[in-house]
Protein backbone atom coordinates (compact mmCIF):
# COMPACT_ATOMS: atom_id res chain seq x y z
CA MET A 1 -111.87 31.69 -20.97
CA LYS A 2 -108.31 31.76 -19.50
CA ILE A 3 -107.95 30.66 -15.77
CA ASP A 4 -105.03 30.75 -13.32
CA VAL A 5 -104.17 27.30 -12.52
CA LEU A 6 -105.43 23.88 -13.60
CA VAL A 7 -105.09 21.15 -10.78
CA ALA A 8 -105.38 17.52 -12.74
CA GLU A 9 -105.91 14.64 -10.11
CA ILE A 10 -104.38 11.69 -12.49
CA GLY A 11 -106.24 8.47 -11.06
CA SER A 12 -105.71 5.25 -11.88
CA THR A 13 -109.16 5.23 -13.47
CA THR A 14 -110.47 8.61 -13.63
CA THR A 15 -108.46 12.02 -14.51
CA LEU A 16 -110.27 14.79 -12.89
CA VAL A 17 -109.48 18.78 -13.48
CA ASN A 18 -110.23 21.32 -11.22
CA ALA A 19 -109.67 25.03 -12.36
CA PHE A 20 -108.83 27.80 -10.23
CA HIS A 21 -109.45 31.62 -11.02
CA ASN A 22 -108.48 35.00 -9.42
CA ILE A 23 -105.50 33.23 -7.50
CA GLY A 24 -103.76 36.11 -5.39
CA THR A 25 -106.77 38.23 -5.21
CA ASP A 26 -109.27 38.72 -2.12
CA ASN A 27 -111.80 36.70 -3.99
CA PRO A 28 -110.19 33.49 -5.75
CA GLU A 29 -112.85 31.33 -7.81
CA PHE A 30 -112.85 27.76 -7.85
CA PHE A 31 -114.51 27.65 -11.78
CA GLY A 32 -115.38 24.27 -12.22
CA GLN A 33 -114.67 20.49 -12.38
CA GLY A 34 -114.57 18.07 -14.99
CA GLN A 35 -113.22 14.48 -15.35
CA ALA A 36 -112.55 11.58 -18.20
CA PRO A 37 -111.18 8.33 -18.16
CA THR A 38 -107.34 8.25 -17.23
CA THR A 39 -105.25 7.04 -20.53
CA VAL A 40 -102.14 6.18 -18.82
CA LEU A 41 -102.21 2.60 -19.88
CA ASP A 42 -102.91 3.97 -23.28
CA GLY A 43 -99.42 4.73 -23.47
CA ASP A 44 -100.39 8.96 -23.36
CA VAL A 45 -101.62 10.58 -20.20
CA ARG A 46 -102.25 13.92 -22.03
CA ILE A 47 -105.60 12.18 -23.82
CA GLY A 48 -107.08 11.80 -20.42
CA LEU A 49 -106.24 15.24 -19.49
CA LYS A 50 -107.58 17.04 -22.58
CA GLY A 51 -110.63 14.75 -22.16
CA ALA A 52 -111.38 16.17 -18.70
CA ILE A 53 -110.38 19.71 -19.73
CA GLU A 54 -112.93 19.24 -22.80
CA ASP A 55 -115.87 17.90 -19.66
CA LEU A 56 -115.02 20.82 -18.02
CA CYS A 57 -115.69 23.14 -21.03
CA LYS A 58 -118.89 21.56 -21.24
CA ASN A 59 -119.76 21.98 -17.65
CA LYS A 60 -118.78 25.58 -17.91
CA GLY A 61 -120.36 26.46 -21.13
CA VAL A 62 -117.23 27.52 -22.59
CA SER A 63 -115.75 26.69 -25.85
CA SER A 64 -112.19 26.36 -24.68
CA ILE A 65 -109.97 27.25 -21.48
CA GLU A 66 -106.74 28.30 -21.42
CA TYR A 67 -104.35 28.12 -18.24
CA GLU A 68 -101.71 29.90 -16.86
CA GLU A 69 -100.40 27.09 -15.13
CA MET A 70 -100.85 23.30 -14.42
CA LEU A 71 -100.35 21.28 -11.04
CA ALA A 72 -100.95 17.53 -10.88
CA THR A 73 -101.17 14.50 -8.20
CA SER A 74 -101.50 11.32 -9.63
CA SER A 75 -101.90 7.61 -8.45
CA ALA A 76 -102.07 6.39 -12.10
CA ALA A 77 -100.43 3.06 -12.99
CA GLY A 78 -100.34 2.09 -9.01
CA GLY A 79 -99.53 5.44 -7.98
CA LEU A 80 -95.89 5.50 -5.92
CA LYS A 81 -94.35 1.80 -5.47
CA MET A 82 -92.33 1.65 -2.97
CA THR A 83 -90.48 -1.19 -0.95
CA VAL A 84 -88.93 -0.42 2.74
CA HIS A 85 -85.99 -2.01 4.29
CA GLY A 86 -84.91 -1.49 7.58
CA LEU A 87 -83.05 -3.38 10.75
CA VAL A 88 -85.67 -3.53 13.63
CA TYR A 89 -89.63 -3.88 12.71
CA ASP A 90 -91.14 -1.92 15.53
CA MET A 91 -88.45 0.75 15.50
CA THR A 92 -86.53 1.71 11.92
CA VAL A 93 -88.76 -0.44 9.98
CA LYS A 94 -91.87 1.07 11.70
CA ALA A 95 -90.44 4.64 11.42
CA ALA A 96 -89.50 4.13 7.55
CA ARG A 97 -92.72 2.76 6.68
CA GLU A 98 -94.77 5.76 8.55
CA ALA A 99 -92.47 8.16 6.11
CA ALA A 100 -93.36 6.38 2.82
CA LEU A 101 -97.48 6.40 3.50
CA GLY A 102 -97.18 10.05 4.65
CA ALA A 103 -95.64 10.78 1.59
CA GLY A 104 -98.48 9.28 -0.47
CA ALA A 105 -96.65 5.78 -1.26
CA ASN A 106 -98.17 2.30 -1.70
CA ILE A 107 -95.76 0.00 0.15
CA HIS A 108 -95.75 -3.03 -1.68
CA LEU A 109 -92.60 -5.11 0.44
CA VAL A 110 -91.39 -4.20 3.96
CA THR A 111 -88.41 -6.25 5.78
CA ALA A 112 -86.74 -6.15 8.56
CA GLY A 113 -83.17 -7.40 9.25
CA ARG A 114 -80.85 -8.76 6.34
CA LEU A 115 -82.41 -8.76 2.70
CA ARG A 116 -82.90 -12.80 1.84
CA ARG A 117 -82.39 -14.06 -1.75
CA THR A 118 -86.42 -14.16 -1.79
CA ASP A 119 -86.49 -10.70 -0.90
CA LEU A 120 -84.31 -9.31 -3.80
CA GLN A 121 -86.38 -11.76 -5.72
CA LYS A 122 -89.70 -10.01 -4.68
CA ILE A 123 -87.88 -6.41 -4.97
CA LYS A 124 -87.42 -7.68 -9.00
CA GLU A 125 -91.09 -8.47 -9.28
CA ILE A 126 -92.30 -5.28 -7.93
CA HIS A 127 -89.93 -2.93 -9.63
CA PRO A 128 -91.08 0.00 -7.31
CA ASN A 129 -90.82 3.73 -8.29
CA LEU A 130 -88.77 4.28 -5.00
CA ILE A 131 -86.75 1.97 -2.55
CA MET A 132 -86.15 2.87 1.01
CA ILE A 133 -83.24 1.97 2.97
CA ALA A 134 -82.98 2.58 7.00
CA GLY A 135 -81.50 0.99 10.00
CA GLY A 136 -79.80 1.60 12.91
CA VAL A 137 -80.02 4.74 15.33
CA ASP A 138 -77.35 7.63 14.46
CA TYR A 139 -74.04 6.18 15.73
CA GLY A 140 -75.49 2.66 16.34
CA GLU A 141 -75.58 -0.45 14.27
CA ARG A 142 -74.20 0.14 10.66
CA ASP A 143 -73.53 -3.24 9.12
CA THR A 144 -77.53 -4.52 8.27
CA ALA A 145 -77.86 -1.29 6.29
CA ILE A 146 -74.49 -1.60 4.38
CA TYR A 147 -75.49 -5.08 3.65
CA ASN A 148 -78.74 -4.53 2.45
CA ALA A 149 -77.66 -1.54 0.08
CA GLU A 150 -74.74 -3.80 -1.47
CA MET A 151 -77.54 -6.48 -2.40
CA ILE A 152 -79.66 -4.28 -3.64
CA ARG A 153 -76.99 -2.63 -5.75
CA SER A 154 -76.06 -5.92 -6.88
CA LEU A 155 -79.62 -6.17 -8.49
CA ASP A 156 -78.49 -3.45 -11.21
CA LEU A 157 -81.88 -1.60 -10.80
CA SER A 158 -82.94 1.67 -12.29
CA ILE A 159 -84.50 2.69 -9.56
CA PRO A 160 -83.75 5.93 -7.41
CA ILE A 161 -82.57 4.77 -3.57
CA ILE A 162 -83.75 6.56 -0.63
CA TYR A 163 -81.24 6.57 2.25
CA ALA A 164 -82.80 7.32 6.02
CA GLY A 165 -80.41 5.23 8.16
CA ASN A 166 -77.52 5.66 10.66
CA VAL A 167 -75.90 9.13 9.59
CA GLU A 168 -72.19 7.29 10.02
CA ASN A 169 -73.35 5.51 6.77
CA GLN A 170 -74.31 8.29 4.45
CA ASP A 171 -70.64 8.22 2.78
CA GLU A 172 -70.72 3.88 2.75
CA MET A 173 -73.90 4.64 0.92
CA ARG A 174 -72.55 7.15 -1.69
CA LEU A 175 -69.45 4.89 -2.49
CA ILE A 176 -72.18 1.67 -3.09
CA PHE A 177 -74.22 3.52 -5.36
CA GLU A 178 -71.95 5.91 -6.68
CA ASP A 179 -72.27 4.35 -10.43
CA ALA A 180 -75.78 3.19 -9.95
CA LYS A 181 -78.28 3.86 -13.18
CA ALA A 182 -80.44 5.97 -11.00
CA PRO A 183 -80.00 8.74 -8.19
CA LEU A 184 -79.10 8.09 -4.47
CA TYR A 185 -81.27 10.77 -2.52
CA ILE A 186 -79.85 10.65 1.37
CA VAL A 187 -82.15 12.17 3.82
CA GLU A 188 -81.74 12.43 7.92
CA ASN A 189 -82.43 9.11 9.97
CA VAL A 190 -86.23 8.54 10.07
CA TYR A 191 -85.27 6.95 13.67
CA PRO A 192 -82.27 8.91 14.97
CA LYS A 193 -82.56 7.85 18.51
CA ILE A 194 -84.72 5.36 20.56
CA ASP A 195 -88.20 6.35 20.72
CA GLU A 196 -87.67 9.29 18.87
CA LEU A 197 -89.39 9.15 14.87
CA ASN A 198 -87.92 11.96 12.38
CA VAL A 199 -90.36 11.50 9.51
CA GLU A 200 -90.80 14.59 7.77
CA PRO A 201 -87.49 15.23 6.07
CA ALA A 202 -87.88 11.58 4.42
CA ARG A 203 -91.23 12.67 3.46
CA LYS A 204 -90.24 15.45 1.66
CA ILE A 205 -87.70 13.76 -0.22
CA ILE A 206 -90.22 10.59 -1.35
CA GLN A 207 -92.31 13.36 -2.98
CA ASP A 208 -89.41 15.06 -4.49
CA ALA A 209 -87.99 11.83 -5.83
CA PHE A 210 -91.72 10.81 -7.35
CA GLU A 211 -91.74 14.07 -9.06
CA ASP A 212 -88.34 13.63 -10.69
CA HIS A 213 -88.93 10.34 -11.92
CA ILE A 214 -93.06 10.18 -12.40
CA ILE A 215 -92.60 11.06 -16.19
CA GLN A 216 -90.60 8.08 -16.92
CA ALA A 217 -93.40 5.63 -15.81
CA PRO A 218 -95.21 4.29 -19.30
CA GLY A 219 -97.89 6.71 -20.36
CA MET A 220 -96.64 9.46 -18.40
CA GLU A 221 -93.68 10.31 -20.38
CA HIS A 222 -95.41 13.47 -21.86
CA ILE A 223 -96.79 14.63 -18.67
CA ARG A 224 -94.02 17.40 -18.64
CA ASP A 225 -95.55 18.97 -21.87
CA MET A 226 -98.82 19.86 -19.70
CA VAL A 227 -97.76 20.26 -16.20
CA GLY A 228 -95.38 22.80 -15.43
CA GLY A 229 -95.55 22.70 -11.56
CA PRO A 230 -95.60 20.26 -9.12
CA ILE A 231 -96.83 16.67 -9.59
CA ILE A 232 -97.29 14.59 -5.83
CA PRO A 233 -99.03 11.39 -4.95
CA THR A 234 -102.36 11.56 -4.61
CA PRO A 235 -102.49 10.61 -0.92
CA GLY A 236 -99.75 12.82 -0.44
CA ALA A 237 -101.43 15.91 -1.64
CA VAL A 238 -104.01 14.55 0.91
CA MET A 239 -102.11 14.87 3.59
CA GLU A 240 -100.50 18.13 2.69
CA CYS A 241 -103.87 19.70 2.97
CA ALA A 242 -104.60 17.63 6.29
CA LYS A 243 -101.65 18.83 8.09
CA LEU A 244 -102.23 22.72 6.38
CA LEU A 245 -106.03 22.40 8.05
CA TYR A 246 -104.27 21.27 11.62
CA GLU A 247 -102.67 24.83 11.69
CA TYR A 248 -106.26 26.13 11.72
CA LEU A 249 -108.32 23.78 13.06
CA GLY A 250 -106.08 21.74 15.39
CA ASP A 251 -106.32 17.71 15.98
CA LEU A 252 -108.22 16.44 13.05
CA MET A 253 -108.49 13.28 10.83
CA VAL A 254 -109.66 12.92 7.01
CA LEU A 255 -111.45 9.82 5.79
CA ASP A 256 -111.31 9.01 2.09
CA VAL A 257 -113.65 5.87 1.13
CA GLY A 258 -113.05 5.18 -2.25
CA GLY A 259 -113.88 2.20 -4.71
CA ALA A 260 -110.74 0.30 -4.24
CA THR A 261 -109.32 1.48 -0.86
CA THR A 262 -110.02 3.33 2.01
CA ASP A 263 -107.42 5.65 3.21
CA LEU A 264 -107.27 7.53 6.71
CA HIS A 265 -105.09 10.64 7.59
CA SER A 266 -104.86 11.75 11.39
CA VAL A 267 -102.74 15.01 12.47
CA THR A 268 -102.61 15.07 16.26
CA ASP A 269 -100.08 14.44 19.40
CA GLY A 270 -102.77 12.73 21.14
CA SER A 271 -103.24 13.45 24.79
CA GLU A 272 -100.77 13.65 27.58
CA GLU A 273 -102.24 10.85 29.74
CA ILE A 274 -101.94 8.29 27.04
CA SER A 275 -98.42 9.43 25.76
CA ARG A 276 -97.02 8.77 29.17
CA ILE A 277 -97.80 5.26 28.87
CA LEU A 278 -97.15 4.71 24.88
CA VAL A 279 -95.12 1.34 24.15
CA SER A 280 -93.41 2.92 21.11
CA PRO A 281 -93.72 6.47 19.50
CA GLU A 282 -96.42 7.29 16.47
CA PRO A 283 -95.71 10.19 14.50
CA LYS A 284 -97.97 13.23 14.46
CA ALA A 285 -99.22 12.97 11.07
CA LYS A 286 -100.24 9.53 10.47
CA ARG A 287 -101.74 7.95 7.10
CA THR A 288 -103.00 4.11 6.53
CA VAL A 289 -104.25 2.66 3.80
CA GLU A 290 -106.80 -0.35 3.55
CA GLY A 291 -106.20 -2.29 0.23
CA ASP A 292 -109.20 -4.40 1.34
CA LEU A 293 -111.95 -1.54 2.13
CA GLY A 294 -112.74 -0.49 -1.35
CA VAL A 295 -116.91 -0.01 -1.73
CA TYR A 296 -116.73 -1.43 -5.52
CA LEU A 297 -113.96 -3.10 -6.49
CA ASN A 298 -113.42 -4.92 -3.13
CA MET A 299 -117.29 -4.88 -2.22
CA LYS A 300 -117.20 -8.57 -1.72
CA ASN A 301 -114.97 -8.20 1.15
CA ILE A 302 -117.02 -5.80 2.81
CA VAL A 303 -119.89 -7.76 2.40
CA ASN A 304 -118.06 -10.79 4.01
CA SER A 305 -117.08 -8.46 7.13
CA ILE A 306 -120.34 -7.24 7.86
CA GLY A 307 -121.52 -11.23 6.99
CA ARG A 308 -123.89 -11.44 4.15
CA ASP A 309 -126.87 -12.78 6.23
CA LYS A 310 -126.95 -9.79 8.63
CA LEU A 311 -126.79 -7.01 5.94
CA GLU A 312 -129.77 -8.70 3.81
CA GLU A 313 -131.64 -8.76 7.01
CA GLU A 314 -130.58 -5.07 7.85
CA LEU A 315 -131.38 -3.70 4.12
CA ASP A 316 -134.22 -5.93 3.39
CA PHE A 317 -133.84 -6.51 -0.46
CA ASP A 318 -131.80 -9.03 -2.59
CA ILE A 319 -128.21 -7.56 -2.35
CA ASP A 320 -126.70 -10.34 -4.68
CA LYS A 321 -128.82 -8.65 -7.67
CA VAL A 322 -127.67 -5.22 -6.46
CA MET A 323 -124.00 -6.43 -6.73
CA GLU A 324 -124.31 -7.60 -9.98
CA ASN A 325 -125.38 -4.45 -11.43
CA TYR A 326 -123.49 -1.83 -9.40
CA LYS A 327 -121.72 0.38 -11.80
CA PHE A 328 -119.46 2.49 -9.48
CA VAL A 329 -121.65 5.07 -8.81
CA PRO A 330 -124.85 4.22 -7.11
CA GLN A 331 -127.96 5.42 -9.19
CA THR A 332 -130.96 3.46 -7.63
CA LYS A 333 -132.36 3.49 -3.84
CA GLU A 334 -131.16 0.07 -3.01
CA GLU A 335 -127.80 0.75 -4.35
CA VAL A 336 -127.74 3.97 -2.42
CA ARG A 337 -128.43 1.96 0.92
CA PHE A 338 -126.08 -0.66 -0.32
CA VAL A 339 -123.13 1.61 -0.74
CA GLU A 340 -124.02 3.58 2.62
CA ARG A 341 -123.98 0.34 4.97
CA LEU A 342 -120.61 -0.60 2.98
CA THR A 343 -119.28 2.81 3.83
CA LYS A 344 -120.15 2.91 6.90
CA GLU A 345 -118.29 -0.65 7.79
CA ALA A 346 -115.07 0.72 5.70
CA VAL A 347 -115.03 3.86 7.90
CA ILE A 348 -115.41 2.14 11.04
CA LYS A 349 -112.62 -0.87 10.23
CA ALA A 350 -110.21 1.63 8.56
CA THR A 351 -110.40 3.49 12.00
CA GLU A 352 -110.01 0.57 14.19
CA ARG A 353 -106.71 -0.43 12.33
CA HIS A 354 -105.56 3.16 12.44
CA ALA A 355 -106.32 4.17 16.28
CA GLY A 356 -104.43 2.53 18.76
CA ARG A 357 -105.89 1.18 21.68
CA ILE A 358 -105.35 0.61 25.88
CA ARG A 359 -103.82 -3.01 26.94
CA TYR A 360 -103.77 -4.31 30.14
CA VAL A 361 -100.27 -6.47 31.10
CA TYR A 362 -100.22 -8.43 34.46
CA GLY A 363 -96.96 -8.96 36.18
CA PRO A 364 -95.50 -9.37 39.57
CA THR A 365 -96.60 -6.10 40.85
CA GLY A 366 -100.28 -6.80 39.53
CA ARG A 367 -101.89 -5.05 36.50
CA SER A 368 -100.28 -2.31 34.47
CA THR A 369 -102.14 -0.07 31.76
CA LEU A 370 -100.26 0.33 28.39
CA ALA A 371 -101.33 1.96 25.04
CA GLU A 372 -100.14 1.19 21.71
CA GLY A 373 -100.91 2.69 18.44
CA LYS A 374 -102.18 6.17 17.57
CA ASP A 375 -104.03 8.08 19.74
CA LEU A 376 -107.27 9.84 18.32
CA SER A 377 -108.90 10.73 21.43
CA GLN A 378 -108.07 14.26 21.04
CA ILE A 379 -109.20 14.48 17.67
CA LYS A 380 -111.52 17.75 17.30
CA TYR A 381 -112.91 17.27 13.40
CA ILE A 382 -113.36 14.12 11.41
CA ILE A 383 -113.22 15.53 7.83
CA GLY A 384 -114.79 13.46 4.90
CA THR A 385 -113.18 13.21 1.20
CA GLY A 386 -113.81 11.39 -1.96
CA GLY A 387 -116.82 10.07 -3.62
CA ALA A 388 -118.25 8.32 -1.28
CA LEU A 389 -118.07 10.83 2.04
CA THR A 390 -118.72 13.86 -0.26
CA ARG A 391 -121.82 12.44 -2.11
CA LEU A 392 -123.88 9.69 -0.27
CA PRO A 393 -126.89 11.38 1.62
CA GLU A 394 -125.97 9.89 5.01
CA ARG A 395 -122.20 10.48 5.06
CA ILE A 396 -122.45 12.60 8.14
CA ASN A 397 -124.22 9.93 10.40
CA ILE A 398 -121.88 7.72 8.80
CA MET A 399 -118.86 9.68 10.29
CA LYS A 400 -120.81 9.99 13.66
CA ALA A 401 -120.74 6.44 13.83
CA ILE A 402 -117.20 6.35 14.59
CA ALA A 403 -117.25 7.55 18.21
CA ARG A 404 -119.91 5.30 18.76
CA HIS A 405 -118.68 2.31 17.76
CA ASN A 406 -116.16 2.16 20.79
CA GLU A 407 -118.41 0.58 23.37
CA THR A 408 -115.04 -1.07 25.60
CA GLY A 409 -113.66 2.53 25.77
CA LEU A 410 -110.25 0.67 25.47
CA LEU A 411 -109.87 1.97 21.47
CA LEU A 412 -108.47 5.25 21.24
CA PHE A 413 -111.06 6.67 19.07
CA PRO A 414 -112.43 10.13 18.60
CA ASN A 415 -115.10 11.09 20.95
CA THR A 416 -119.02 12.14 20.07
CA GLU A 417 -118.04 15.77 20.64
CA ALA A 418 -115.86 15.55 17.64
CA GLU A 419 -117.35 17.61 14.66
CA ILE A 420 -118.20 16.20 10.97
CA LEU A 421 -116.96 18.24 8.24
CA VAL A 422 -116.98 17.57 4.49
CA ASP A 423 -115.07 18.32 1.44
CA ASN A 424 -118.44 19.31 -0.27
CA ASP A 425 -116.39 20.39 -3.68
CA TYR A 426 -114.31 17.16 -3.60
CA ILE A 427 -111.11 19.24 -3.81
CA MET A 428 -108.99 18.40 -0.69
CA ALA A 429 -106.38 16.46 -3.03
CA SER A 430 -105.96 19.44 -5.85
CA LEU A 431 -105.75 21.89 -2.80
CA GLY A 432 -102.83 20.23 -1.16
CA VAL A 433 -100.86 20.57 -3.97
CA LEU A 434 -102.12 23.93 -4.85
CA SER A 435 -100.73 24.92 -1.48
CA LYS A 436 -97.19 24.39 -2.71
CA ARG A 437 -97.61 27.48 -4.41
CA TYR A 438 -100.57 29.57 -3.44
CA ARG A 439 -101.33 28.37 0.42
CA ASP A 440 -103.73 31.41 0.97
CA ALA A 441 -105.93 30.62 -1.79
CA ALA A 442 -105.55 26.97 -1.19
CA VAL A 443 -107.13 28.06 2.90
CA TYR A 444 -109.53 30.09 1.11
CA PHE A 445 -111.25 27.13 -1.02
CA LEU A 446 -110.93 25.04 2.06
CA GLU A 447 -112.98 27.27 4.05
CA LYS A 448 -115.88 27.31 0.97
CA SER A 449 -115.78 23.43 0.37
CA LEU A 450 -115.90 22.65 4.39
CA ARG A 451 -118.22 25.40 5.17
CA GLN A 452 -116.04 26.33 8.44
CA LYS A 453 -114.31 29.50 9.09
CA LEU A 454 -110.15 28.78 9.42
CA VAL A 455 -109.02 32.40 9.55
């Protein structure tokens, strides 16, 4: 059997492949899906990829599959590990952080101001895939970014550097890193003016740098033997898909509840009313990742968040017994109900942390109303992807609970009119990378998976 495009999602534990055929025709076909354990840690990603392809063949009842092109997303071996270093935390640091998260990075260290010896030690211990330096609006403060660049250069690391700060420092950065072991990427300032974010150019450079250097990661050296097209971080691929959907659906958010984390992507400008009282700017496309809200590896954290006694009273069974026997995918009725309750908690907590809120400030002239954080009040669609929100029986009601949770009215949450959609084929990440080459086909497959007319 010969197909057009195979998209591999190389996860930390599982490698998934999605096969697409008849690309470029009026009737593209989502041929099927296969999966196998990821083998990056075993020293060769190709073993897991071949295993996933074999599983696809078994599922489709064919002896073999050939493909014209393979694309890929990856979150294996820690995903895209980054450290971010800026000037003022609520300004240039925040902007750089938003750029990195939106590109699909896992941020392991964020610093504001001049780097200290302890910061440099942490950078060495983390050994990130990329380091981003920002700081200073254009034609503003220069010295902090230059100092931080010199300190990072003194570590003599084989790690690519991205500079996204004051435009006046660009030539200085080239001199500092001219003989470095890894390349320097220079991009537009992520915070060029006070209260102005410019994160999209940096996001693109981050993904390009990731693709250039992912093949150097242990176990990934041979990925180019099979993958000829783009390779981007899996969360970045979901963000690409969310931004594509925004062009057709308008304001939306995408939730992905996984075994280890819960990711939330939103694409919205919010309301004009809230924008007038915002304390600081927010990016149109925003991603947050909650590393303590996973329904498998971090299930104990969520149980503690709900309260063990309260959870047992709600479910009316021994949750310790369920937790002891649970093996990632729920099998029994009790396990399904348990995971559904954990997923609901993860969804609400992740939205609380992602969304902004109204704040009242009292001063000499009386009470003033301010808003801080991301305004989700104009969200028209809440979309679920990932294993939990595409497979659990109560997935629709779980996402509907978000709007009902805003009892005080002070949270900038979606309202009850927001429509719920589900990525039924669980292919949004694959379609994010597919859209880089085959946009029309990606839109077609999104219509099918979401069961929502787009064009």
